[in-house]
């Protein structure tokens, strides 16, 4: 069986975590070192984050 990653769900989890922290996409993107456009695309499931990018976003969200 192949592991399939649902990037829409990944993005929704990131967006939900960001909103629960009451921070903007711009603020989170600055904290994790990516652009707000990239973060928006990830949150909307339109772009697959690299492993490094996803790790950085997760660490930033969980560490704030």
PDB file of N, CA and C in Angstrom:
ATOM      1  N   UNK A   1       0.840  -1.177   0.000  1.00  0.00           N
ATOM      2  CA  UNK A   1       0.000   0.000   0.000  1.00  0.00           C
ATOM      3  C   UNK A   1       0.889   1.245   0.000  1.00  0.00           C
ATOM      4  N   UNK A   2       0.528   2.210  -0.796  1.00  0.00           N
ATOM      5  CA  UNK A   2       1.300   3.444  -0.893  1.00  0.00           C
ATOM      6  C   UNK A   2       0.789   4.466   0.111  1.00  0.00           C
ATOM      7  N   UNK A   3       1.727   5.181   0.694  1.00  0.00           N
ATOM      8  CA  UNK A   3       1.353   6.285   1.571  1.00  0.00           C
ATOM      9  C   UNK A   3       1.030   7.488   0.702  1.00  0.00           C
ATOM     10  N   UNK A   4      -0.184   7.991   0.828  1.00  0.00           N
ATOM     11  CA  UNK A   4      -0.602   9.146   0.057  1.00  0.00           C
ATOM     12  C   UNK A   4      -0.792  10.306   1.018  1.00  0.00           C
ATOM     13  N   UNK A   5      -0.129  11.402   0.724  1.00  0.00           N
ATOM     14  CA  UNK A   5      -0.236  12.581   1.571  1.00  0.00           C
ATOM     15  C   UNK A   5      -1.318  13.480   1.001  1.00  0.00           C
ATOM     16  N   UNK A   6      -2.275  13.828   1.831  1.00  0.00           N
ATOM     17  CA  UNK A   6      -3.341  14.740   1.427  1.00  0.00           C
ATOM     18  C   UNK A   6      -2.888  16.160   1.764  1.00  0.00           C
ATOM     19  N   UNK A   7      -2.363  16.859   0.766  1.00  0.00           N
ATOM     20  CA  UNK A   7      -1.799  18.180   1.001  1.00  0.00           C
ATOM     21  C   UNK A   7      -2.861  19.226   1.337  1.00  0.00           C
ATOM     22  N   UNK A   8      -4.103  18.956   0.979  1.00  0.00           N
ATOM     23  CA  UNK A   8      -5.193  19.861   1.379  1.00  0.00           C
ATOM     24  C   UNK A   8      -5.387  19.769   2.887  1.00  0.00           C
ATOM     25  N   UNK A   9      -5.343  18.562   3.434  1.00  0.00           N
ATOM     26  CA  UNK A   9      -5.469  18.388   4.886  1.00  0.00           C
ATOM     27  C   UNK A   9      -4.264  18.959   5.619  1.00  0.00           C
ATOM     28  N   UNK A  10      -3.081  18.769   5.059  1.00  0.00           N
ATOM     29  CA  UNK A  10      -1.866  19.334   5.661  1.00  0.00           C
ATOM     30  C   UNK A  10      -1.996  20.844   5.743  1.00  0.00           C
ATOM     31  N   UNK A  11      -2.410  21.455   4.640  1.00  0.00           N
ATOM     32  CA  UNK A  11      -2.584  22.905   4.608  1.00  0.00           C
ATOM     33  C   UNK A  11      -3.635  23.386   5.582  1.00  0.00           C
ATOM     34  N   UNK A  12      -4.728  22.632   5.696  1.00  0.00           N
ATOM     35  CA  UNK A  12      -5.790  23.017   6.629  1.00  0.00           C
ATOM     36  C   UNK A  12      -5.289  22.964   8.069  1.00  0.00           C
ATOM     37  N   UNK A  13      -4.495  21.948   8.390  1.00  0.00           N
ATOM     38  CA  UNK A  13      -3.939  21.860   9.747  1.00  0.00           C
ATOM     39  C   UNK A  13      -3.012  23.043  10.044  1.00  0.00           C
ATOM     40  N   UNK A  14      -2.208  23.410   9.061  1.00  0.00           N
ATOM     41  CA  UNK A  14      -1.318  24.560   9.237  1.00  0.00           C
ATOM     42  C   UNK A  14      -2.138  25.833   9.427  1.00  0.00           C
ATOM     43  N   UNK A  15      -3.147  26.031   8.581  1.00  0.00           N
ATOM     44  CA  UNK A  15      -4.000  27.223   8.675  1.00  0.00           C
ATOM     45  C   UNK A  15      -4.729  27.266  10.021  1.00  0.00           C
ATOM     46  N   UNK A  16      -5.288  26.135  10.433  1.00  0.00           N
ATOM     47  CA  UNK A  16      -6.002  26.085  11.715  1.00  0.00           C
ATOM     48  C   UNK A  16      -5.072  26.421  12.878  1.00  0.00           C
ATOM     49  N   UNK A  17      -3.851  25.875  12.843  1.00  0.00           N
ATOM     50  CA  UNK A  17      -2.884  26.160  13.913  1.00  0.00           C
ATOM     51  C   UNK A  17      -2.513  27.637  13.913  1.00  0.00           C
ATOM     52  N   UNK A  18      -2.287  28.189  12.724  1.00  0.00           N
ATOM     53  CA  UNK A  18      -1.925  29.607  12.613  1.00  0.00           C
ATOM     54  C   UNK A  18      -3.052  30.492  13.137  1.00  0.00           C
ATOM     55  N   UNK A  19      -4.275  30.184  12.747  1.00  0.00           N
ATOM     56  CA  UNK A  19      -5.420  30.985  13.195  1.00  0.00           C
ATOM     57  C   UNK A  19      -5.651  30.858  14.697  1.00  0.00           C
ATOM     58  N   UNK A  20      -5.422  29.676  15.244  1.00  0.00           N
ATOM     59  CA  UNK A  20      -5.595  29.502  16.690  1.00  0.00           C
ATOM     60  C   UNK A  20      -4.569  30.314  17.474  1.00  0.00           C
ATOM     61  N   UNK A  21      -3.442  30.623  16.811  1.00  0.00           N
ATOM     62  CA  UNK A  21      -2.404  31.445  17.427  1.00  0.00           C
ATOM     63  C   UNK A  21      -2.644  32.931  17.170  1.00  0.00           C
ATOM     64  N   UNK A  22      -3.693  33.227  16.400  1.00  0.00           N
ATOM     65  CA  UNK A  22      -4.035  34.610  16.050  1.00  0.00           C
ATOM     66  C   UNK A  22      -2.890  35.349  15.365  1.00  0.00           C
ATOM     67  N   UNK A  23      -2.256  34.683  14.401  1.00  0.00           N
ATOM     68  CA  UNK A  23      -1.220  35.358  13.633  1.00  0.00           C
ATOM     69  C   UNK A  23      -1.565  35.290  12.148  1.00  0.00           C
ATOM     70  N   UNK A  24      -1.068  36.242  11.398  1.00  0.00           N
ATOM     71  CA  UNK A  24      -1.337  36.318   9.965  1.00  0.00           C
ATOM     72  C   UNK A  24      -0.390  35.402   9.193  1.00  0.00           C
ATOM     73  N   UNK A  25      -0.751  35.161   7.951  1.00  0.00           N
ATOM     74  CA  UNK A  25       0.139  34.393   7.076  1.00  0.00           C
ATOM     75  C   UNK A  25       1.469  35.116   6.943  1.00  0.00           C
ATOM     76  N   UNK A  26       1.414  36.425   6.836  1.00  0.00           N
ATOM     77  CA  UNK A  26       2.643  37.201   6.701  1.00  0.00           C
ATOM     78  C   UNK A  26       3.550  37.005   7.919  1.00  0.00           C
ATOM     79  N   UNK A  27       2.961  37.051   9.115  1.00  0.00           N
ATOM     80  CA  UNK A  27       3.759  36.877  10.334  1.00  0.00           C
ATOM     81  C   UNK A  27       4.365  35.479  10.397  1.00  0.00           C
ATOM     82  N   UNK A  28       3.556  34.462  10.118  1.00  0.00           N
ATOM     83  CA  UNK A  28       4.069  33.093  10.166  1.00  0.00           C
ATOM     84  C   UNK A  28       5.141  32.884   9.108  1.00  0.00           C
ATOM     85  N   UNK A  29       4.920  33.427   7.929  1.00  0.00           N
ATOM     86  CA  UNK A  29       5.919  33.242   6.872  1.00  0.00           C
ATOM     87  C   UNK A  29       7.248  33.891   7.256  1.00  0.00           C
ATOM     88  N   UNK A  30       7.198  35.047   7.898  1.00  0.00           N
ATOM     89  CA  UNK A  30       8.432  35.693   8.355  1.00  0.00           C
ATOM     90  C   UNK A  30       9.125  34.844   9.414  1.00  0.00           C
ATOM     91  N   UNK A  31       8.352  34.250  10.305  1.00  0.00           N
ATOM     92  CA  UNK A  31       8.932  33.433  11.379  1.00  0.00           C
ATOM     93  C   UNK A  31       9.587  32.163  10.850  1.00  0.00           C
ATOM     94  N   UNK A  32       9.021  31.591   9.782  1.00  0.00           N
ATOM     95  CA  UNK A  32       9.566  30.319   9.293  1.00  0.00           C
ATOM     96  C   UNK A  32      10.445  30.484   8.058  1.00  0.00           C
ATOM     97  N   UNK A  33      10.630  31.723   7.606  1.00  0.00           N
ATOM     98  CA  UNK A  33      11.569  31.971   6.526  1.00  0.00           C
ATOM     99  C   UNK A  33      11.078  31.639   5.131  1.00  0.00           C
ATOM    100  N   UNK A  34       9.780  31.769   4.910  1.00  0.00           N
ATOM    101  CA  UNK A  34       9.256  31.582   3.558  1.00  0.00           C
ATOM    102  C   UNK A  34       8.418  32.806   3.191  1.00  0.00           C
ATOM    103  N   UNK A  35       7.935  32.863   1.978  1.00  0.00           N
ATOM    104  CA  UNK A  35       7.110  33.996   1.577  1.00  0.00           C
ATOM    105  C   UNK A  35       5.655  33.744   1.964  1.00  0.00           C
ATOM    106  N   UNK A  36       4.895  34.811   2.116  1.00  0.00           N
ATOM    107  CA  UNK A  36       3.477  34.646   2.444  1.00  0.00           C
ATOM    108  C   UNK A  36       2.738  33.997   1.271  1.00  0.00           C
ATOM    109  N   UNK A  37       3.200  34.247   0.058  1.00  0.00           N
ATOM    110  CA  UNK A  37       2.591  33.615  -1.122  1.00  0.00           C
ATOM    111  C   UNK A  37       2.786  32.101  -1.071  1.00  0.00           C
ATOM    112  N   UNK A  38       3.988  31.657  -0.710  1.00  0.00           N
ATOM    113  CA  UNK A  38       4.264  30.222  -0.587  1.00  0.00           C
ATOM    114  C   UNK A  38       3.389  29.616   0.512  1.00  0.00           C
ATOM    115  N   UNK A  39       3.324  30.274   1.652  1.00  0.00           N
ATOM    116  CA  UNK A  39       2.524  29.767   2.763  1.00  0.00           C
ATOM    117  C   UNK A  39       1.048  29.678   2.374  1.00  0.00           C
ATOM    118  N   UNK A  40       0.551  30.682   1.679  1.00  0.00           N
ATOM    119  CA  UNK A  40      -0.840  30.664   1.220  1.00  0.00           C
ATOM    120  C   UNK A  40      -1.090  29.469   0.307  1.00  0.00           C
ATOM    121  N   UNK A  41      -0.166  29.223  -0.617  1.00  0.00           N
ATOM    122  CA  UNK A  41      -0.313  28.081  -1.529  1.00  0.00           C
ATOM    123  C   UNK A  41      -0.291  26.757  -0.785  1.00  0.00           C
ATOM    124  N   UNK A  42       0.552  26.662   0.232  1.00  0.00           N
ATOM    125  CA  UNK A  42       0.618  25.442   1.051  1.00  0.00           C
ATOM    126  C   UNK A  42      -0.692  25.273   1.823  1.00  0.00           C
ATOM    127  N   UNK A  43      -1.167  26.351   2.451  1.00  0.00           N
ATOM    128  CA  UNK A  43      -2.401  26.276   3.236  1.00  0.00           C
ATOM    129  C   UNK A  43      -3.597  25.886   2.371  1.00  0.00           C
ATOM    130  N   UNK A  44      -3.589  26.293   1.116  1.00  0.00           N
ATOM    131  CA  UNK A  44      -4.698  25.989   0.215  1.00  0.00           C
ATOM    132  C   UNK A  44      -4.515  24.682  -0.546  1.00  0.00           C
ATOM    133  N   UNK A  45      -3.442  23.962  -0.256  1.00  0.00           N
ATOM    134  CA  UNK A  45      -3.198  22.674  -0.894  1.00  0.00           C
ATOM    135  C   UNK A  45      -2.799  22.783  -2.352  1.00  0.00           C
ATOM    136  N   UNK A  46      -2.410  23.975  -2.789  1.00  0.00           N
ATOM    137  CA  UNK A  46      -2.036  24.180  -4.182  1.00  0.00           C
ATOM    138  C   UNK A  46      -0.558  23.889  -4.430  1.00  0.00           C
ATOM    139  N   UNK A  47       0.220  23.880  -3.367  1.00  0.00           N
ATOM    140  CA  UNK A  47       1.650  23.659  -3.493  1.00  0.00           C
ATOM    141  C   UNK A  47       2.088  22.665  -2.424  1.00  0.00           C
ATOM    142  N   UNK A  48       2.942  21.739  -2.823  1.00  0.00           N
ATOM    143  CA  UNK A  48       3.480  20.774  -1.879  1.00  0.00           C
ATOM    144  C   UNK A  48       4.733  21.377  -1.257  1.00  0.00           C
ATOM    145  N   UNK A  49       4.763  21.485   0.061  1.00  0.00           N
ATOM    146  CA  UNK A  49       5.967  22.035   0.676  1.00  0.00           C
ATOM    147  C   UNK A  49       7.103  21.019   0.626  1.00  0.00           C
ATOM    148  N   UNK A  50       8.320  21.519   0.534  1.00  0.00           N
ATOM    149  CA  UNK A  50       9.463  20.616   0.620  1.00  0.00           C
ATOM    150  C   UNK A  50       9.496  20.065   2.047  1.00  0.00           C
ATOM    151  N   UNK A  51      10.230  19.006   2.244  1.00  0.00           N
ATOM    152  CA  UNK A  51      10.341  18.424   3.582  1.00  0.00           C
ATOM    153  C   UNK A  51      10.900  19.464   4.548  1.00  0.00           C
ATOM    154  N   UNK A  52      11.908  20.181   4.083  1.00  0.00           N
ATOM    155  CA  UNK A  52      12.521  21.209   4.927  1.00  0.00           C
ATOM    156  C   UNK A  52      11.529  22.330   5.254  1.00  0.00           C
ATOM    157  N   UNK A  53      10.782  22.769   4.257  1.00  0.00           N
ATOM    158  CA  UNK A  53       9.800  23.845   4.462  1.00  0.00           C
ATOM    159  C   UNK A  53       8.699  23.397   5.419  1.00  0.00           C
ATOM    160  N   UNK A  54       8.204  22.193   5.216  1.00  0.00           N
ATOM    161  CA  UNK A  54       7.152  21.684   6.095  1.00  0.00           C
ATOM    162  C   UNK A  54       7.658  21.553   7.529  1.00  0.00           C
ATOM    163  N   UNK A  55       8.876  21.076   7.690  1.00  0.00           N
ATOM    164  CA  UNK A  55       9.467  20.950   9.021  1.00  0.00           C
ATOM    165  C   UNK A  55       9.585  22.323   9.694  1.00  0.00           C
ATOM    166  N   UNK A  56      10.041  23.308   8.948  1.00  0.00           N
ATOM    167  CA  UNK A  56      10.207  24.657   9.491  1.00  0.00           C
ATOM    168  C   UNK A  56       8.854  25.255   9.903  1.00  0.00           C
ATOM    169  N   UNK A  57       7.840  25.056   9.080  1.00  0.00           N
ATOM    170  CA  UNK A  57       6.496  25.566   9.412  1.00  0.00           C
ATOM    171  C   UNK A  57       5.976  24.874  10.662  1.00  0.00           C
ATOM    172  N   UNK A  58       6.095  23.546  10.715  1.00  0.00           N
ATOM    173  CA  UNK A  58       5.620  22.801  11.887  1.00  0.00           C
ATOM    174  C   UNK A  58       6.333  23.223  13.168  1.00  0.00           C
ATOM    175  N   UNK A  59       7.646  23.369  13.103  1.00  0.00           N
ATOM    176  CA  UNK A  59       8.409  23.785  14.287  1.00  0.00           C
ATOM    177  C   UNK A  59       8.000  25.182  14.718  1.00  0.00           C
ATOM    178  N   UNK A  60       7.780  26.061  13.765  1.00  0.00           N
ATOM    179  CA  UNK A  60       7.391  27.425  14.099  1.00  0.00           C
ATOM    180  C   UNK A  60       6.013  27.440  14.741  1.00  0.00           C
ATOM    181  N   UNK A  61       5.077  26.696  14.172  1.00  0.00           N
ATOM    182  CA  UNK A  61       3.715  26.662  14.707  1.00  0.00           C
ATOM    183  C   UNK A  61       3.689  26.033  16.103  1.00  0.00           C
ATOM    184  N   UNK A  62       4.442  24.969  16.293  1.00  0.00           N
ATOM    185  CA  UNK A  62       4.412  24.293  17.595  1.00  0.00           C
ATOM    186  C   UNK A  62       5.256  25.008  18.638  1.00  0.00           C
ATOM    187  N   UNK A  63       6.213  25.830  18.204  1.00  0.00           N
ATOM    188  CA  UNK A  63       7.105  26.494  19.139  1.00  0.00           C
ATOM    189  C   UNK A  63       6.695  27.882  19.588  1.00  0.00           C
ATOM    190  N   UNK A  64       5.637  28.410  18.973  1.00  0.00           N
ATOM    191  CA  UNK A  64       5.205  29.783  19.312  1.00  0.00           C
ATOM    192  C   UNK A  64       4.262  29.766  20.478  1.00  0.00           C
TER     193      UNK A  64
END
